[in-house]
Amino acid sequence: MTELLDIVSARLDGLITYAALRELGLSSHGVDSLIRRGELVRTRRGVYVPGELWRAADPDQRYRLFVLSTALAAGRPLVLSHGSAAVMHGLPLIGAWPRMVHVIDPDASGGSTARFTTSHRGTPAPEPVHVDGIAVTSLARTLVDVAASTRFLVGVTMIDHALRVEQKRVEGEARRGIRGRRALTREDLFAELAAVNPRAGARLAERAIAFGNGLSANAGESLSRVRMFQLGFEVPELQVCFPDVDGQDYWVDFYWRRIRKIGEFDGKHKHTRGAVLGDRDPGEVVWQEKRREDALRHHSDSFDRWDWDTAISPQRFHRFLAEHGVPRT
């Protein structure tokens, strides 16, 4: 039965409808039995995912499955928006995904909430794009909607990610001789904000767009940069390159040029096996990193690292920055 469920779920990006289960010869009691045994998980009424898939999914993937299930169960076309469009675009979130599915509805009076969906009036009516067959607001519109309706940190993290990925897309296409659409820019986001002209959150979105920077290499670097700004410390230069005597270039996450200080966000994945390391031994990676750090110390007066747990806590990160001599604004 597990193999049959996997085959059926592959048709709809991991989802299984009640009608498909009936086609397999299952009764309602049979479906309930699969749920009790953990072979199925109900995501919406009449929509399920294999239990193994659900248990292996991270919070991003689980919210995406919930969004897809809601769109499938709606019985009418939906245009996903805000956080629901963000998860479909693959944007990162620091914090918890919403418990609702957000959609654009031109007929909504301001905003209305049903049991599983929150409808927003689209002004002007958005030009949707399709991601995995589901209509969602454009990337620019999604970023503006999120930035205007949530925390500064969330908006900046998504904007940083989108600007970086868009630039990499264009660079990759250029290497293959492809002339596609140009990369999304902050100017595009400002233009989208002016077109949307949200009744609330326009100033918040404007600040997030202005602060956005595609040089932030990951969500941890975005988090660090936002925290520095919020805590009153000087925001450093990003991704600064230092040439070494052996002809190799070394890039650093953060650099305070005035005091010759290097800072690096140290993700926990760096020294553990996985996609980042490939077949390399973690000990070799640690040795290479020490060699890199020794070379960089010739270009700086101090070199400091911090991790996610430090940056996510305002009190802890403030104490860390102050103790390590990071200049204040």
Protein backbone atom coordinates (compact mmCIF):
# COMPACT_ATOMS: atom_id res chain seq x y z
CA MET A 1 0.00 0.00 0.00
CA THR A 2 2.86 2.39 0.76
CA GLU A 3 4.19 2.04 -2.78
CA LEU A 4 0.73 2.71 -4.22
CA LEU A 5 0.39 5.84 -2.07
CA ASP A 6 3.77 7.07 -3.29
CA ILE A 7 2.72 6.55 -6.90
CA VAL A 8 -0.55 8.40 -6.43
CA SER A 9 1.07 11.27 -4.48
CA ALA A 10 3.67 11.77 -7.22
CA ARG A 11 0.91 12.98 -9.54
CA LEU A 12 0.12 16.03 -7.41
CA ASP A 13 3.45 17.07 -5.93
CA GLY A 14 3.05 14.88 -2.88
CA LEU A 15 -0.72 15.30 -2.42
CA ILE A 16 -3.36 12.58 -2.51
CA THR A 17 -7.06 13.31 -2.91
CA TYR A 18 -9.85 11.30 -1.34
CA ALA A 19 -11.12 10.51 -4.85
CA ALA A 20 -7.74 8.97 -5.72
CA LEU A 21 -7.87 6.83 -2.59
CA ARG A 22 -11.32 5.59 -3.54
CA GLU A 23 -9.94 4.65 -6.96
CA LEU A 24 -7.46 2.44 -5.13
CA GLY A 25 -10.43 0.64 -3.59
CA LEU A 26 -10.20 2.22 -0.14
CA SER A 27 -13.33 2.96 1.86
CA SER A 28 -13.60 5.79 4.36
CA HIS A 29 -12.81 3.27 7.11
CA GLY A 30 -9.74 2.17 5.16
CA VAL A 31 -8.54 5.77 4.89
CA ASP A 32 -9.07 6.29 8.63
CA SER A 33 -7.06 3.15 9.29
CA LEU A 34 -4.14 4.47 7.21
CA ILE A 35 -4.25 7.72 9.16
CA ARG A 36 -4.20 5.90 12.50
CA ARG A 37 -1.20 3.84 11.36
CA GLY A 38 0.62 6.98 10.27
CA GLU A 39 0.73 6.00 6.59
CA LEU A 40 -1.39 9.05 5.70
CA VAL A 41 -1.63 12.57 7.12
CA ARG A 42 -4.68 14.73 6.42
CA THR A 43 -3.62 18.25 5.45
CA ARG A 44 -7.06 19.50 4.45
CA ARG A 45 -10.49 17.94 4.22
CA GLY A 46 -10.27 15.45 1.36
CA VAL A 47 -6.52 15.97 0.83
CA TYR A 48 -3.70 13.86 2.27
CA VAL A 49 0.06 13.32 2.04
CA PRO A 50 2.04 10.14 2.72
CA GLY A 51 3.01 9.97 6.38
CA GLU A 52 6.67 9.36 5.57
CA LEU A 53 6.78 12.49 3.40
CA TRP A 54 5.17 14.61 6.13
CA ARG A 55 7.48 13.36 8.88
CA ALA A 56 10.56 14.04 6.76
CA ALA A 57 9.39 17.56 5.81
CA ASP A 58 10.82 20.66 7.49
CA PRO A 59 8.53 23.59 8.47
CA ASP A 60 8.94 25.22 5.05
CA GLN A 61 7.93 22.04 3.25
CA ARG A 62 5.00 21.39 5.60
CA TYR A 63 3.60 24.88 5.08
CA ARG A 64 4.03 24.50 1.33
CA LEU A 65 2.08 21.22 1.44
CA PHE A 66 -0.65 22.92 3.47
CA VAL A 67 -0.82 25.76 0.93
CA LEU A 68 -1.00 23.34 -1.99
CA SER A 69 -3.67 21.30 -0.21
CA THR A 70 -5.77 24.41 0.38
CA ALA A 71 -5.50 25.42 -3.28
CA LEU A 72 -6.47 21.91 -4.34
CA ALA A 73 -9.43 21.78 -1.95
CA ALA A 74 -10.71 25.27 -2.80
CA GLY A 75 -12.81 24.17 -5.75
CA ARG A 76 -12.03 27.46 -7.53
CA PRO A 77 -8.86 29.11 -8.82
CA LEU A 78 -6.87 30.97 -6.16
CA VAL A 79 -4.08 33.52 -6.48
CA LEU A 80 -1.75 32.96 -3.55
CA SER A 81 -0.17 36.02 -1.94
CA HIS A 82 1.96 37.23 0.98
CA GLY A 83 3.59 34.39 2.94
CA SER A 84 1.76 31.73 0.93
CA ALA A 85 3.21 33.07 -2.32
CA ALA A 86 6.59 33.43 -0.60
CA VAL A 87 6.80 29.73 0.24
CA MET A 88 5.92 28.86 -3.35
CA HIS A 89 8.67 31.18 -4.62
CA GLY A 90 11.13 29.42 -2.29
CA LEU A 91 11.81 32.48 -0.14
CA PRO A 92 13.32 31.87 3.31
CA LEU A 93 11.55 32.81 6.53
CA ILE A 94 13.05 33.53 9.93
CA GLY A 95 10.26 32.62 12.31
CA ALA A 96 7.05 30.66 11.88
CA TRP A 97 4.97 30.49 8.73
CA PRO A 98 1.39 31.78 9.02
CA ARG A 99 -1.32 29.38 10.10
CA MET A 100 -3.51 30.59 7.25
CA VAL A 101 -3.28 30.60 3.47
CA HIS A 102 -3.19 34.12 2.03
CA VAL A 103 -4.86 34.88 -1.30
CA ILE A 104 -5.61 37.92 -3.45
CA ASP A 105 -9.31 38.54 -4.05
CA PRO A 106 -10.28 41.73 -5.95
CA ASP A 107 -13.77 41.49 -4.44
CA ALA A 108 -12.57 41.32 -0.83
CA SER A 109 -13.49 44.33 1.28
CA GLY A 110 -10.10 45.14 2.78
CA GLY A 111 -9.35 41.73 4.19
CA SER A 112 -11.58 38.81 5.10
CA THR A 113 -10.78 35.58 6.89
CA ALA A 114 -12.36 32.19 6.44
CA ARG A 115 -11.41 29.03 8.32
CA PHE A 116 -8.18 28.42 6.42
CA THR A 117 -7.74 31.45 4.16
CA THR A 118 -7.24 35.18 4.50
CA SER A 119 -8.30 37.18 1.44
CA HIS A 120 -6.67 40.49 0.53
CA ARG A 121 -8.04 43.01 -1.90
CA GLY A 122 -5.69 43.33 -4.86
CA THR A 123 -5.14 47.00 -5.69
CA PRO A 124 -4.18 47.11 -8.45
CA ALA A 125 -5.10 43.62 -9.59
CA PRO A 126 -1.84 41.64 -9.59
CA GLU A 127 -0.35 39.92 -12.60
CA PRO A 128 -0.04 36.36 -11.30
CA VAL A 129 2.64 33.89 -12.27
CA HIS A 130 2.41 30.13 -12.01
CA VAL A 131 4.61 28.04 -9.75
CA ASP A 132 4.09 24.28 -10.00
CA GLY A 133 0.77 24.94 -11.68
CA ILE A 134 -0.53 27.25 -8.92
CA ALA A 135 -1.22 30.95 -9.55
CA VAL A 136 0.77 33.20 -7.20
CA THR A 137 1.60 36.88 -7.06
CA SER A 138 4.78 37.87 -8.90
CA LEU A 139 8.06 37.78 -7.02
CA ALA A 140 8.17 41.59 -6.79
CA ARG A 141 4.57 41.82 -5.59
CA THR A 142 5.13 39.03 -3.06
CA LEU A 143 8.17 40.77 -1.59
CA VAL A 144 6.32 44.07 -1.30
CA ASP A 145 3.27 42.45 0.31
CA VAL A 146 5.42 40.59 2.84
CA ALA A 147 7.60 43.60 3.63
CA ALA A 148 4.52 45.78 4.22
CA SER A 149 2.75 43.32 6.48
CA THR A 150 5.35 41.69 8.68
CA ARG A 151 8.53 42.31 10.67
CA PHE A 152 11.46 44.24 9.23
CA LEU A 153 13.69 41.17 9.68
CA VAL A 154 11.35 38.95 7.66
CA GLY A 155 11.04 41.43 4.81
CA VAL A 156 14.79 42.07 4.58
CA THR A 157 15.66 38.36 4.68
CA MET A 158 13.35 37.59 1.77
CA ILE A 159 14.47 40.62 -0.23
CA ASP A 160 18.16 39.77 0.29
CA HIS A 161 17.53 36.22 -0.88
CA ALA A 162 15.55 37.25 -3.95
CA LEU A 163 18.10 39.85 -5.07
CA ARG A 164 20.96 37.35 -4.69
CA VAL A 165 19.18 34.49 -6.48
CA GLU A 166 18.03 36.75 -9.30
CA GLN A 167 21.57 38.00 -9.89
CA LYS A 168 22.94 34.45 -9.87
CA ARG A 169 20.24 33.41 -12.33
CA VAL A 170 21.26 36.11 -14.80
CA GLU A 171 24.95 35.29 -14.38
CA GLY A 172 24.27 31.60 -14.95
CA GLU A 173 22.20 32.31 -18.05
CA ALA A 174 24.94 34.56 -19.42
CA ARG A 175 27.53 31.79 -19.04
CA ARG A 176 25.27 29.54 -21.10
CA GLY A 177 24.74 32.22 -23.73
CA ILE A 178 21.12 32.83 -22.72
CA ARG A 179 19.65 36.31 -22.73
CA GLY A 180 16.68 36.03 -20.46
CA ARG A 181 14.82 38.60 -18.41
CA ARG A 182 16.97 40.95 -16.38
CA ALA A 183 17.52 40.47 -12.67
CA LEU A 184 15.09 41.89 -10.14
CA THR A 185 16.44 45.06 -8.51
CA ARG A 186 15.58 47.26 -5.57
CA GLU A 187 14.36 49.87 -8.07
CA ASP A 188 11.85 47.30 -9.32
CA LEU A 189 10.64 46.76 -5.77
CA PHE A 190 10.28 50.50 -5.14
CA ALA A 191 8.26 50.77 -8.37
CA GLU A 192 6.06 47.84 -7.29
CA LEU A 193 5.55 49.43 -3.88
CA ALA A 194 4.43 52.68 -5.54
CA ALA A 195 2.02 50.76 -7.77
CA VAL A 196 0.53 48.75 -4.90
CA ASN A 197 0.44 51.75 -2.54
CA PRO A 198 -0.64 49.70 0.49
CA ARG A 199 -2.93 51.39 2.97
CA ALA A 200 -0.73 50.16 5.81
CA GLY A 201 2.94 49.23 5.99
CA ALA A 202 4.23 51.33 3.10
CA ARG A 203 6.92 52.95 5.24
CA LEU A 204 7.98 49.58 6.66
CA ALA A 205 8.25 48.12 3.17
CA GLU A 206 10.23 51.12 1.96
CA ARG A 207 12.76 50.68 4.78
CA ALA A 208 13.10 46.94 4.10
CA ILE A 209 13.66 47.49 0.38
CA ALA A 210 16.22 50.23 1.00
CA PHE A 211 18.09 47.98 3.44
CA GLY A 212 17.95 44.93 1.18
CA ASN A 213 21.25 43.72 -0.23
CA GLY A 214 21.83 40.79 -2.54
CA LEU A 215 25.37 40.37 -1.18
CA SER A 216 24.01 38.67 1.93
CA ALA A 217 24.86 35.05 1.19
CA ASN A 218 22.25 33.40 3.41
CA ALA A 219 19.53 34.06 5.96
CA GLY A 220 22.06 34.03 8.81
CA GLU A 221 23.97 36.91 7.26
CA SER A 222 20.73 38.82 6.70
CA LEU A 223 19.78 38.21 10.32
CA SER A 224 23.20 39.44 11.50
CA ARG A 225 23.02 42.60 9.40
CA VAL A 226 19.49 43.45 10.57
CA ARG A 227 20.43 42.87 14.20
CA MET A 228 23.47 45.15 13.89
CA PHE A 229 21.26 47.88 12.49
CA GLN A 230 18.53 47.41 15.10
CA LEU A 231 21.01 47.36 17.98
CA GLY A 232 22.74 50.56 16.91
CA PHE A 233 25.99 49.12 15.57
CA GLU A 234 27.70 50.09 12.34
CA VAL A 235 26.61 47.92 9.42
CA PRO A 236 29.78 46.64 7.70
CA GLU A 237 30.73 46.10 4.08
CA LEU A 238 29.62 42.75 2.70
CA GLN A 239 31.55 40.08 0.79
CA VAL A 240 34.92 41.86 0.73
CA CYS A 241 37.72 40.12 -1.18
CA PHE A 242 41.32 39.88 0.09
CA PRO A 243 44.04 38.51 -2.19
CA ASP A 244 46.61 36.25 -0.52
CA VAL A 245 50.33 35.95 -1.29
CA ASP A 246 49.69 32.54 -2.88
CA GLY A 247 47.45 34.18 -5.47
CA GLN A 248 44.23 32.90 -3.97
CA ASP A 249 41.32 35.23 -3.27
CA TYR A 250 39.57 35.02 0.12
CA TRP A 251 36.12 36.48 0.64
CA VAL A 252 34.75 37.48 4.04
CA ASP A 253 31.15 38.00 5.12
CA PHE A 254 31.61 41.32 6.92
CA TYR A 255 34.35 43.94 7.05
CA TRP A 256 34.58 47.13 9.10
CA ARG A 257 37.23 48.91 7.04
CA ARG A 258 37.80 51.81 9.44
CA ILE A 259 39.01 49.50 12.21
CA ARG A 260 40.21 46.62 9.99
CA LYS A 261 37.83 44.10 11.57
CA ILE A 262 36.58 40.94 9.85
CA GLY A 263 33.38 39.24 10.95
CA GLU A 264 31.89 35.95 9.80
CA PHE A 265 28.56 34.25 10.36
CA ASP A 266 29.43 30.62 11.02
CA GLY A 267 26.65 28.26 9.98
CA LYS A 268 26.73 24.91 11.75
CA HIS A 269 26.81 23.06 8.42
CA LYS A 270 30.34 24.20 7.59
CA HIS A 271 32.21 21.47 9.45
CA THR A 272 29.76 18.57 9.18
CA ARG A 273 29.29 16.09 6.39
CA GLY A 274 26.65 16.86 3.79
CA ALA A 275 26.10 18.52 0.47
CA VAL A 276 28.48 21.35 1.37
CA LEU A 277 31.42 19.04 2.14
CA GLY A 278 30.81 16.33 -0.42
CA ASP A 279 33.42 13.63 0.12
CA ARG A 280 35.80 15.85 2.08
CA ASP A 281 36.66 14.95 5.64
CA PRO A 282 35.41 17.46 8.26
CA GLY A 283 38.91 17.61 9.74
CA GLU A 284 40.33 18.66 6.38
CA VAL A 285 37.70 21.40 6.10
CA VAL A 286 38.58 22.69 9.58
CA TRP A 287 42.27 22.75 8.63
CA GLN A 288 41.56 24.60 5.38
CA GLU A 289 39.43 27.12 7.26
CA LYS A 290 42.22 27.70 9.80
CA ARG A 291 44.66 28.26 6.94
CA ARG A 292 42.24 30.73 5.38
CA GLU A 293 41.77 32.54 8.69
CA ASP A 294 45.53 32.80 9.26
CA ALA A 295 45.93 34.37 5.80
CA LEU A 296 43.12 36.84 6.45
CA ARG A 297 44.62 38.00 9.74
CA HIS A 298 47.36 39.71 7.73
CA HIS A 299 44.65 41.99 6.34
CA SER A 300 42.88 42.73 9.62
CA ASP A 301 43.44 43.68 13.23
CA SER A 302 40.72 41.35 14.52
CA PHE A 303 38.69 38.39 13.26
CA ASP A 304 35.50 37.31 15.00
CA ARG A 305 32.88 34.59 14.35
CA TRP A 306 29.37 34.11 15.65
CA ASP A 307 26.65 31.54 15.09
CA TRP A 308 22.88 31.48 14.68
CA ASP A 309 22.11 31.18 18.39
CA THR A 310 24.13 34.32 19.08
CA ALA A 311 22.64 36.42 16.27
CA ILE A 312 19.01 35.43 16.89
CA SER A 313 19.12 36.74 20.47
CA PRO A 314 19.20 40.57 20.61
CA GLN A 315 20.66 40.57 24.13
CA ARG A 316 23.34 37.98 23.37
CA PHE A 317 24.32 39.54 20.04
CA HIS A 318 24.47 43.04 21.56
CA ARG A 319 26.81 41.75 24.26
CA PHE A 320 28.92 39.92 21.68
CA LEU A 321 29.28 42.95 19.37
CA ALA A 322 30.10 45.27 22.26
CA GLU A 323 32.67 42.91 23.79
CA HIS A 324 34.36 42.44 20.41
CA GLY A 325 34.71 46.14 19.64
CA VAL A 326 32.23 46.50 16.79
CA PRO A 327 31.77 50.27 16.30
CA ARG A 328 28.44 51.89 17.03
CA THR A 329 26.68 54.13 14.57
